[in-house]
């Protein structure tokens, strides 16, 4: 914990400082309210311990300022026997607790108060993380293929470290699954794992989403709001599609990676958070660096360790297990769980899967939703929902024109993205208007992919 101690009595400061340092706290100690306010305006603290009665700016003034400008910071008051009534009134005004300075002053009461405060702050962090979806516990589907087992071995080796990790892989290959596997096997497993897709949040909103913002930072900012970095404190922060992050944000992220410091939008204060950053991309980041769209120093910082997620076509042995898991997760309550016949599995295995695991889920979901049957899934049901028959995929493409190949590829990508044209355009690395023109040119129906 980062604590600011304000007291005009040197002896009290020495006793409290020693007690706090014995509890592993980072302590900054000052002898006046004015000095304390100067530190609060420029630095980040979890708690302020201040004397109630001081010359000039007293503890009540400090409390009022903190509650107005930094409401997430807890305030503990130090008071004499004769000021207990005022201290109780201060509790009603927002102070977390007060400690009576008996003679001789015992640092043990500070440690006891700190222990209670830590418990409360941990609960607050869990609630904040839950609000951002950080305590979601997705089922991690295992695999038996050689490529997946090799990746798992790398994850097990890297997870216990604090190193920043870059996960590379095709769209839909399961990069977030790998990120959550890293988190689950790390020392931070009990903390939150917060994920944000840098490609789906507008550039204007991404900074405030990540770093939070202060009241009045922009039109509509009626209150201060913590960001995803604060929510990930003590856990992991997963930044998907890191290659889509705008330039100014890259500078701020680099500062956070270097020293765990960041500034909310509209704030002059520097805050700290202890979050391990895991990045992912389906782009060639080195190429983005050459194009001037990604900072080379940030690339060197995020790829301390690089993990490559194999595409589904390179882990076909895992397909039956993945499909079975998806069938169970899509099953309606009370209904019998459908299974795949060996012939149906053979058809799925023979398909090329350009959209990877995400496309497989889309296909399984369409089978479940569109089929009137309740027994094992037949090859015919699979053929009806696959974008293209496996035989055509493997044997007939040599006879296709370039336009035919382009139409088939766009159709597959639209299927893998669930009909989301923005995501499809990003995957195809073309702009949105170009994609719309090609959809019109080839007569593709978006409703077939939704």
Protein backbone atom coordinates (compact mmCIF):
# COMPACT_ATOMS: atom_id res chain seq x y z
CA UNK A 1 0.00 0.00 0.00
CA UNK A 2 1.12 3.54 -0.75
CA UNK A 3 0.48 5.77 2.27
CA UNK A 4 0.86 9.51 2.89
CA UNK A 5 1.48 10.36 6.55
CA UNK A 6 0.79 13.96 7.70
CA UNK A 7 1.57 14.98 11.29
CA UNK A 8 3.34 17.96 12.81
CA UNK A 9 4.79 15.85 15.67
CA UNK A 10 8.07 14.23 14.64
CA UNK A 11 7.84 11.48 17.31
CA UNK A 12 4.41 10.38 16.07
CA UNK A 13 5.65 10.35 12.48
CA UNK A 14 8.59 8.12 13.45
CA UNK A 15 6.36 5.63 15.32
CA UNK A 16 3.73 5.43 12.57
CA UNK A 17 6.34 5.25 9.80
CA UNK A 18 8.08 2.32 11.48
CA UNK A 19 4.80 0.45 11.96
CA UNK A 20 3.79 1.00 8.33
CA UNK A 21 7.16 -0.04 6.91
CA UNK A 22 7.08 -3.21 9.03
CA UNK A 23 3.81 -4.00 7.22
CA UNK A 24 5.51 -3.57 3.84
CA UNK A 25 3.98 -0.20 2.99
CA UNK A 26 5.51 2.57 0.90
CA UNK A 27 5.38 5.66 3.11
CA UNK A 28 5.83 9.35 2.39
CA UNK A 29 5.92 11.46 5.54
CA UNK A 30 5.41 15.25 5.82
CA UNK A 31 5.06 17.66 8.76
CA UNK A 32 2.27 19.98 7.60
CA UNK A 33 -1.07 19.94 5.83
CA UNK A 34 0.25 22.17 3.06
CA UNK A 35 3.08 19.75 2.28
CA UNK A 36 0.59 16.89 2.36
CA UNK A 37 -1.72 18.62 -0.13
CA UNK A 38 1.23 19.25 -2.48
CA UNK A 39 2.04 15.49 -2.45
CA UNK A 40 -1.62 14.56 -3.03
CA UNK A 41 -1.79 16.79 -6.09
CA UNK A 42 1.18 15.13 -7.77
CA UNK A 43 1.42 11.56 -6.47
CA UNK A 44 -0.81 8.51 -6.04
CA UNK A 45 -1.72 7.04 -2.63
CA UNK A 46 -4.02 4.31 -1.36
CA UNK A 47 -4.46 5.90 2.05
CA UNK A 48 -3.83 9.17 3.91
CA UNK A 49 -3.10 9.11 7.65
CA UNK A 50 -3.32 12.64 8.99
CA UNK A 51 -3.37 14.39 12.34
CA UNK A 52 -6.71 16.04 13.03
CA UNK A 53 -5.27 19.13 14.75
CA UNK A 54 -2.40 20.92 12.98
CA UNK A 55 -1.42 24.57 12.49
CA UNK A 56 -2.62 25.98 9.19
CA UNK A 57 -4.23 23.30 7.03
CA UNK A 58 -5.65 20.72 9.47
CA UNK A 59 -6.88 17.13 9.07
CA UNK A 60 -10.48 18.14 8.41
CA UNK A 61 -9.38 20.33 5.48
CA UNK A 62 -7.29 17.45 4.11
CA UNK A 63 -10.30 15.13 4.45
CA UNK A 64 -12.59 17.53 2.58
CA UNK A 65 -10.08 17.92 -0.25
CA UNK A 66 -9.55 14.16 -0.61
CA UNK A 67 -13.28 13.40 -0.62
CA UNK A 68 -13.83 16.00 -3.35
CA UNK A 69 -10.85 15.30 -5.59
CA UNK A 70 -9.74 11.71 -4.84
CA UNK A 71 -12.75 9.87 -3.37
CA UNK A 72 -11.11 6.45 -3.86
CA UNK A 73 -8.40 7.33 -1.29
CA UNK A 74 -9.14 6.35 2.32
CA UNK A 75 -8.41 8.78 5.16
CA UNK A 76 -7.47 7.75 8.71
CA UNK A 77 -7.37 10.50 11.34
CA UNK A 78 -4.97 10.69 14.28
CA UNK A 79 -6.53 12.46 17.23
CA UNK A 80 -6.01 13.22 20.91
CA UNK A 81 -8.40 12.13 23.68
CA UNK A 82 -10.13 15.48 23.73
CA UNK A 83 -10.91 15.43 20.00
CA UNK A 84 -12.73 12.08 19.77
CA UNK A 85 -16.09 13.81 19.29
CA UNK A 86 -14.74 15.76 16.31
CA UNK A 87 -13.18 12.57 14.91
CA UNK A 88 -16.53 10.75 15.07
CA UNK A 89 -18.10 13.65 13.19
CA UNK A 90 -15.33 13.35 10.59
CA UNK A 91 -16.24 9.67 10.10
CA UNK A 92 -19.71 10.84 9.06
CA UNK A 93 -18.03 13.19 6.57
CA UNK A 94 -16.19 10.31 4.90
CA UNK A 95 -13.12 9.45 7.00
CA UNK A 96 -12.51 5.69 7.10
CA UNK A 97 -11.36 5.49 10.74
CA UNK A 98 -9.67 7.42 13.53
CA UNK A 99 -6.89 6.42 15.93
CA UNK A 100 -6.45 7.95 19.38
CA UNK A 101 -2.89 9.05 20.16
CA UNK A 102 -2.52 7.72 23.70
CA UNK A 103 0.67 8.29 25.65
CA UNK A 104 2.91 6.47 24.95
CA UNK A 105 1.69 6.11 21.37
CA UNK A 106 1.64 2.47 20.24
CA UNK A 107 2.29 1.58 16.60
CA UNK A 108 0.28 -1.62 17.09
CA UNK A 109 -3.01 0.24 16.70
CA UNK A 110 -1.81 1.47 13.31
CA UNK A 111 -1.07 -2.09 12.19
CA UNK A 112 -4.50 -3.28 13.33
CA UNK A 113 -6.27 -0.49 11.45
CA UNK A 114 -4.16 -1.18 8.38
CA UNK A 115 -5.10 -4.87 8.42
CA UNK A 116 -8.83 -4.02 8.37
CA UNK A 117 -8.32 -1.45 5.64
CA UNK A 118 -6.45 -3.93 3.44
CA UNK A 119 -9.36 -6.36 3.64
CA UNK A 120 -11.85 -3.65 2.67
CA UNK A 121 -9.70 -2.40 -0.22
CA UNK A 122 -9.27 -5.93 -1.56
CA UNK A 123 -13.05 -6.37 -1.63
CA UNK A 124 -13.37 -3.05 -3.45
CA UNK A 125 -10.85 -4.15 -6.08
CA UNK A 126 -12.74 -7.40 -6.61
CA UNK A 127 -16.00 -5.50 -7.05
CA UNK A 128 -14.36 -3.09 -9.49
CA UNK A 129 -12.87 -5.95 -11.49
CA UNK A 130 -16.20 -7.79 -11.52
CA UNK A 131 -17.86 -4.64 -12.89
CA UNK A 132 -15.47 -4.79 -15.85
CA UNK A 133 -15.92 -8.52 -16.29
CA UNK A 134 -12.55 -9.31 -14.77
CA UNK A 135 -13.62 -12.30 -12.71
CA UNK A 136 -15.20 -14.21 -15.57
CA UNK A 137 -14.06 -17.82 -15.44
CA UNK A 138 -14.31 -19.16 -18.99
CA UNK A 139 -13.85 -22.87 -19.44
CA UNK A 140 -10.40 -23.51 -20.91
CA UNK A 141 -10.77 -26.35 -23.40
CA UNK A 142 -7.67 -28.51 -23.42
CA UNK A 143 -6.15 -30.12 -26.50
CA UNK A 144 -4.04 -33.14 -27.33
CA UNK A 145 -2.46 -32.10 -30.63
CA UNK A 146 1.31 -31.72 -30.78
CA UNK A 147 1.15 -27.98 -31.58
CA UNK A 148 -1.26 -27.27 -28.70
CA UNK A 149 0.80 -29.30 -26.21
CA UNK A 150 3.93 -27.41 -27.29
CA UNK A 151 2.15 -24.09 -26.73
CA UNK A 152 0.90 -25.22 -23.31
CA UNK A 153 4.46 -26.11 -22.31
CA UNK A 154 5.59 -22.59 -23.26
CA UNK A 155 2.71 -21.06 -21.29
CA UNK A 156 3.63 -23.10 -18.20
CA UNK A 157 7.22 -21.89 -18.46
CA UNK A 158 6.36 -18.20 -18.94
CA UNK A 159 3.29 -17.82 -16.69
CA UNK A 160 5.05 -17.60 -13.27
CA UNK A 161 7.22 -14.69 -14.44
CA UNK A 162 6.23 -11.03 -14.60
CA UNK A 163 7.31 -10.71 -18.23
CA UNK A 164 5.11 -8.92 -20.75
CA UNK A 165 3.87 -11.43 -23.33
CA UNK A 166 2.88 -10.94 -26.97
CA UNK A 167 0.50 -13.57 -28.35
CA UNK A 168 0.37 -13.87 -32.13
CA UNK A 169 -2.10 -15.85 -34.17
CA UNK A 170 -4.76 -15.70 -36.83
CA UNK A 171 -8.19 -14.22 -36.15
CA UNK A 172 -10.34 -16.63 -34.17
CA UNK A 173 -7.47 -18.96 -33.23
CA UNK A 174 -7.95 -18.55 -29.46
CA UNK A 175 -5.49 -15.85 -28.40
CA UNK A 176 -7.68 -14.76 -25.48
CA UNK A 177 -7.92 -18.38 -24.30
CA UNK A 178 -4.11 -18.47 -24.19
CA UNK A 179 -4.02 -15.14 -22.33
CA UNK A 180 -6.43 -16.45 -19.69
CA UNK A 181 -4.40 -19.67 -19.45
CA UNK A 182 -1.30 -17.53 -18.77
CA UNK A 183 -3.18 -15.65 -16.06
CA UNK A 184 -4.60 -18.82 -14.49
CA UNK A 185 -1.11 -20.33 -14.13
CA UNK A 186 0.52 -17.15 -12.82
CA UNK A 187 1.00 -15.87 -9.28
CA UNK A 188 -1.82 -13.43 -10.08
CA UNK A 189 -4.41 -16.15 -10.64
CA UNK A 190 -6.56 -14.96 -7.71
CA UNK A 191 -6.63 -11.43 -9.12
CA UNK A 192 -8.70 -10.09 -12.03
CA UNK A 193 -7.99 -10.72 -15.70
CA UNK A 194 -9.32 -7.71 -17.60
CA UNK A 195 -9.60 -7.85 -21.40
CA UNK A 196 -10.08 -5.02 -23.89
CA UNK A 197 -10.10 -5.18 -27.68
CA UNK A 198 -8.19 -2.17 -28.97
CA UNK A 199 -9.73 -2.64 -32.40
CA UNK A 200 -13.37 -2.42 -31.34
CA UNK A 201 -13.14 0.62 -29.02
CA UNK A 202 -13.01 3.98 -30.80
CA UNK A 203 -9.74 5.83 -30.58
CA UNK A 204 -11.43 8.66 -28.69
CA UNK A 205 -12.76 6.31 -26.00
CA UNK A 206 -9.83 3.92 -25.67
CA UNK A 207 -7.70 6.27 -23.55
CA UNK A 208 -10.48 6.94 -21.03
CA UNK A 209 -11.41 3.22 -20.99
CA UNK A 210 -7.86 2.20 -20.14
CA UNK A 211 -6.72 5.01 -17.88
CA UNK A 212 -10.02 6.31 -16.50
CA UNK A 213 -10.89 9.99 -16.29
CA UNK A 214 -11.43 12.83 -13.84
CA UNK A 215 -14.65 14.75 -13.38
CA UNK A 216 -14.94 17.47 -16.01
CA UNK A 217 -12.29 15.93 -18.27
CA UNK A 218 -14.71 16.12 -21.20
CA UNK A 219 -18.37 16.85 -21.90
CA UNK A 220 -20.50 14.38 -19.96
CA UNK A 221 -17.81 13.44 -17.41
CA UNK A 222 -19.96 14.28 -14.40
CA UNK A 223 -17.96 12.07 -12.02
CA UNK A 224 -14.50 10.53 -11.93
CA UNK A 225 -14.25 6.96 -13.21
CA UNK A 226 -11.45 4.41 -12.80
CA UNK A 227 -10.21 2.69 -15.94
CA UNK A 228 -9.35 -0.86 -16.90
CA UNK A 229 -5.78 -0.53 -15.63
CA UNK A 230 -7.10 0.27 -12.14
CA UNK A 231 -9.53 -2.64 -12.41
CA UNK A 232 -6.64 -4.97 -13.34
CA UNK A 233 -4.54 -3.94 -10.31
CA UNK A 234 -3.12 -7.12 -8.77
CA UNK A 235 -4.00 -9.16 -11.86
CA UNK A 236 -3.52 -9.16 -15.61
CA UNK A 237 -4.52 -6.75 -18.38
CA UNK A 238 -5.12 -8.36 -21.79
CA UNK A 239 -4.84 -5.95 -24.74
CA UNK A 240 -6.20 -7.67 -27.84
CA UNK A 241 -5.45 -6.27 -31.30
CA UNK A 242 -2.62 -4.16 -29.90
CA UNK A 243 -1.64 -3.21 -33.45
CA UNK A 244 -4.78 -1.04 -33.68
CA UNK A 245 -3.74 1.17 -30.75
CA UNK A 246 -3.32 4.85 -31.82
CA UNK A 247 0.09 6.53 -31.56
CA UNK A 248 -0.49 8.80 -28.52
CA UNK A 249 -1.89 5.85 -26.58
CA UNK A 250 1.23 3.83 -27.41
CA UNK A 251 3.34 6.44 -25.59
CA UNK A 252 1.13 6.24 -22.49
CA UNK A 253 1.18 2.45 -22.53
CA UNK A 254 4.96 2.43 -22.84
CA UNK A 255 5.24 4.63 -19.73
CA UNK A 256 2.97 2.27 -17.81
CA UNK A 257 5.02 -0.77 -18.89
CA UNK A 258 8.26 0.94 -17.86
CA UNK A 259 7.24 2.15 -14.38
CA UNK A 260 3.61 1.09 -13.67
CA UNK A 261 2.55 4.76 -13.78
CA UNK A 262 -0.31 6.36 -15.70
CA UNK A 263 -2.52 9.45 -15.66
CA UNK A 264 -6.31 9.46 -15.97
CA UNK A 265 -7.70 11.69 -18.69
CA UNK A 266 -7.98 15.26 -17.40
CA UNK A 267 -5.78 14.64 -14.36
CA UNK A 268 -2.40 16.03 -13.36
CA UNK A 269 -1.86 13.20 -10.87
CA UNK A 270 0.34 10.21 -11.59
CA UNK A 271 -1.25 6.95 -10.42
CA UNK A 272 0.25 3.50 -10.03
CA UNK A 273 -1.13 0.03 -10.68
CA UNK A 274 0.41 -3.41 -10.50
CA UNK A 275 -0.94 -5.21 -13.56
CA UNK A 276 0.82 -7.67 -15.85
CA UNK A 277 0.21 -6.75 -19.49
CA UNK A 278 -0.51 -9.47 -22.05
CA UNK A 279 -0.88 -8.33 -25.67
CA UNK A 280 -2.22 -10.07 -28.73
CA UNK A 281 -2.40 -9.38 -32.46
CA UNK A 282 -3.15 -11.05 -35.76
CA UNK A 283 -1.06 -8.45 -37.59
CA UNK A 284 2.61 -8.39 -38.50
CA UNK A 285 3.69 -5.81 -35.92
CA UNK A 286 7.16 -5.52 -37.43
CA UNK A 287 5.53 -4.47 -40.70
CA UNK A 288 3.45 -1.88 -38.80
CA UNK A 289 6.70 -0.52 -37.34
CA UNK A 290 8.18 -0.17 -40.85
CA UNK A 291 5.00 1.65 -41.91
CA UNK A 292 5.36 4.06 -38.99
CA UNK A 293 2.08 2.92 -37.42
CA UNK A 294 3.60 1.24 -34.37
CA UNK A 295 6.45 2.39 -32.13
CA UNK A 296 9.52 0.20 -32.30
CA UNK A 297 10.36 0.85 -28.62
CA UNK A 298 6.89 -0.35 -27.63
CA UNK A 299 7.30 -3.47 -29.75
CA UNK A 300 10.59 -4.28 -28.02
CA UNK A 301 8.84 -3.79 -24.67
CA UNK A 302 5.80 -6.00 -25.32
CA UNK A 303 7.52 -8.91 -27.04
CA UNK A 304 9.76 -9.93 -24.16
CA UNK A 305 8.18 -13.32 -24.80
CA UNK A 306 6.24 -14.14 -27.97
CA UNK A 307 3.78 -17.04 -28.09
CA UNK A 308 2.31 -18.21 -31.39
CA UNK A 309 -1.16 -19.78 -31.37
CA UNK A 310 -1.50 -22.47 -34.06
CA UNK A 311 -4.44 -22.15 -36.48
CA UNK A 312 -7.16 -24.79 -36.23
CA UNK A 313 -5.98 -26.46 -39.46
CA UNK A 314 -2.69 -27.24 -37.68
CA UNK A 315 -4.42 -28.80 -34.65
CA UNK A 316 -7.11 -30.91 -36.28
CA UNK A 317 -6.70 -33.58 -33.59
CA UNK A 318 -8.31 -31.12 -31.16
CA UNK A 319 -11.37 -30.47 -33.32
CA UNK A 320 -13.62 -33.25 -31.90
CA UNK A 321 -12.89 -32.09 -28.35
CA UNK A 322 -13.56 -28.45 -29.22
CA UNK A 323 -16.78 -29.30 -31.07
CA UNK A 324 -18.00 -31.45 -28.17
CA UNK A 325 -17.38 -28.60 -25.71
CA UNK A 326 -19.27 -26.17 -27.95
CA UNK A 327 -22.22 -28.54 -28.28
CA UNK A 328 -22.46 -28.79 -24.50
CA UNK A 329 -22.19 -25.02 -24.00
CA UNK A 330 -24.92 -24.37 -26.58
CA UNK A 331 -27.25 -27.02 -25.22
CA UNK A 332 -30.69 -25.83 -24.11
CA UNK A 333 -31.65 -26.62 -20.48
CA UNK A 334 -33.46 -29.95 -20.26
CA UNK A 335 -32.57 -30.97 -23.83
CA UNK A 336 -30.41 -33.95 -24.72
CA UNK A 337 -26.85 -32.99 -25.68
CA UNK A 338 -26.22 -33.69 -29.34
CA UNK A 339 -23.11 -35.54 -30.47
CA UNK A 340 -21.19 -35.78 -33.74
CA UNK A 341 -21.09 -38.95 -35.79
CA UNK A 342 -17.68 -40.12 -36.99
CA UNK A 343 -18.63 -39.19 -40.57
CA UNK A 344 -19.61 -35.66 -39.45
CA UNK A 345 -16.31 -35.30 -37.60
CA UNK A 346 -14.46 -36.41 -40.73
CA UNK A 347 -16.17 -33.67 -42.76
CA UNK A 348 -15.34 -31.02 -40.15
CA UNK A 349 -11.73 -32.22 -39.95
CA UNK A 350 -11.34 -32.10 -43.73
CA UNK A 351 -12.42 -28.46 -43.88
CA UNK A 352 -9.69 -25.79 -44.03
CA UNK A 353 -11.16 -23.49 -41.27
CA UNK A 354 -9.91 -20.05 -42.37
CA UNK A 355 -11.85 -18.53 -39.44
CA UNK A 356 -10.31 -21.00 -36.97
CA UNK A 357 -11.99 -21.87 -33.65
CA UNK A 358 -14.37 -18.91 -33.93
CA UNK A 359 -15.64 -20.19 -37.29
CA UNK A 360 -16.02 -23.70 -35.84
CA UNK A 361 -18.21 -22.32 -33.08
CA UNK A 362 -20.27 -20.42 -35.64
CA UNK A 363 -20.80 -23.63 -37.65
CA UNK A 364 -21.71 -25.70 -34.57
CA UNK A 365 -24.12 -23.01 -33.42
CA UNK A 366 -25.83 -22.90 -36.82
CA UNK A 367 -26.23 -26.70 -36.80
CA UNK A 368 -27.81 -26.61 -33.34
CA UNK A 369 -30.14 -23.71 -34.16
CA UNK A 370 -31.19 -24.68 -37.67
CA UNK A 371 -31.53 -28.45 -37.45
CA UNK A 372 -34.90 -29.95 -36.44
CA UNK A 373 -33.22 -33.19 -35.39
CA UNK A 374 -32.32 -34.23 -31.85
CA UNK A 375 -30.08 -37.25 -32.42
CA UNK A 376 -26.42 -37.41 -33.45
CA UNK A 377 -25.35 -34.77 -35.97
CA UNK A 378 -25.17 -36.22 -39.47
CA UNK A 379 -22.78 -35.41 -42.34
CA UNK A 380 -25.69 -33.86 -44.26
CA UNK A 381 -26.32 -31.36 -41.47
CA UNK A 382 -22.64 -30.40 -41.58
CA UNK A 383 -22.68 -29.95 -45.37
CA UNK A 384 -25.66 -27.62 -45.14
CA UNK A 385 -23.86 -25.10 -42.94
CA UNK A 386 -20.25 -25.27 -44.12
CA UNK A 387 -19.52 -22.26 -46.37
CA UNK A 388 -18.01 -24.59 -48.96
CA UNK A 389 -17.71 -28.34 -49.29
CA UNK A 390 -14.34 -29.76 -48.21
CA UNK A 391 -13.92 -31.45 -51.60
CA UNK A 392 -14.15 -28.10 -53.36
CA UNK A 393 -11.80 -26.60 -50.81
CA UNK A 394 -9.07 -29.15 -51.45
CA UNK A 395 -9.48 -30.33 -55.03
CA UNK A 396 -11.31 -27.74 -57.11
CA UNK A 397 -9.64 -24.45 -56.23
CA UNK A 398 -7.11 -24.85 -59.04
CA UNK A 399 -9.99 -24.40 -61.50
CA UNK A 400 -11.37 -21.25 -59.84
CA UNK A 401 -10.86 -17.71 -61.17
CA UNK A 402 -9.29 -15.02 -58.99
CA UNK A 403 -12.73 -13.44 -58.52
CA UNK A 404 -14.14 -16.82 -57.39
CA UNK A 405 -11.33 -17.25 -54.86
CA UNK A 406 -11.81 -13.71 -53.56
CA UNK A 407 -15.59 -14.23 -53.24
CA UNK A 408 -15.08 -17.51 -51.33
CA UNK A 409 -12.50 -15.96 -49.01
CA UNK A 410 -14.66 -12.93 -48.21
CA UNK A 411 -17.59 -15.27 -47.60
CA UNK A 412 -15.52 -17.32 -45.15
CA UNK A 413 -14.24 -14.28 -43.28
CA UNK A 414 -17.77 -12.88 -42.97
CA UNK A 415 -18.88 -16.23 -41.57
CA UNK A 416 -16.00 -16.29 -39.09
CA UNK A 417 -16.82 -12.76 -37.91
CA UNK A 418 -20.51 -13.57 -37.47
CA UNK A 419 -21.51 -11.07 -40.15
CA UNK A 420 -19.67 -8.17 -38.48
CA UNK A 421 -18.44 -6.17 -41.49
CA UNK A 422 -16.08 -3.99 -39.42
CA UNK A 423 -14.23 -7.04 -38.06
CA UNK A 424 -14.26 -8.67 -41.49
CA UNK A 425 -12.68 -5.59 -43.06
CA UNK A 426 -9.96 -5.57 -40.38
CA UNK A 427 -9.22 -9.27 -40.97
CA UNK A 428 -9.09 -8.78 -44.75
CA UNK A 429 -6.94 -5.67 -44.20
CA UNK A 430 -9.15 -3.55 -46.47
CA UNK A 431 -11.20 -0.48 -45.61
CA UNK A 432 -14.90 -0.70 -44.80
CA UNK A 433 -16.09 0.91 -48.06
CA UNK A 434 -14.02 -1.51 -50.15
CA UNK A 435 -15.59 -4.45 -48.33
CA UNK A 436 -19.11 -3.10 -48.98
CA UNK A 437 -18.27 -2.74 -52.67
CA UNK A 438 -17.03 -6.33 -52.89
CA UNK A 439 -20.08 -7.65 -51.02
CA UNK A 440 -22.27 -5.89 -53.61
CA UNK A 441 -20.07 -7.06 -56.49
CA UNK A 442 -20.29 -10.73 -55.51
CA UNK A 443 -23.91 -10.61 -54.34
CA UNK A 444 -23.06 -11.86 -50.85
CA UNK A 445 -25.88 -11.89 -48.30
CA UNK A 446 -24.92 -10.64 -44.83
CA UNK A 447 -27.98 -12.29 -43.30
CA UNK A 448 -26.49 -15.68 -44.11
CA UNK A 449 -23.61 -14.90 -41.77
CA UNK A 450 -25.44 -13.27 -38.86
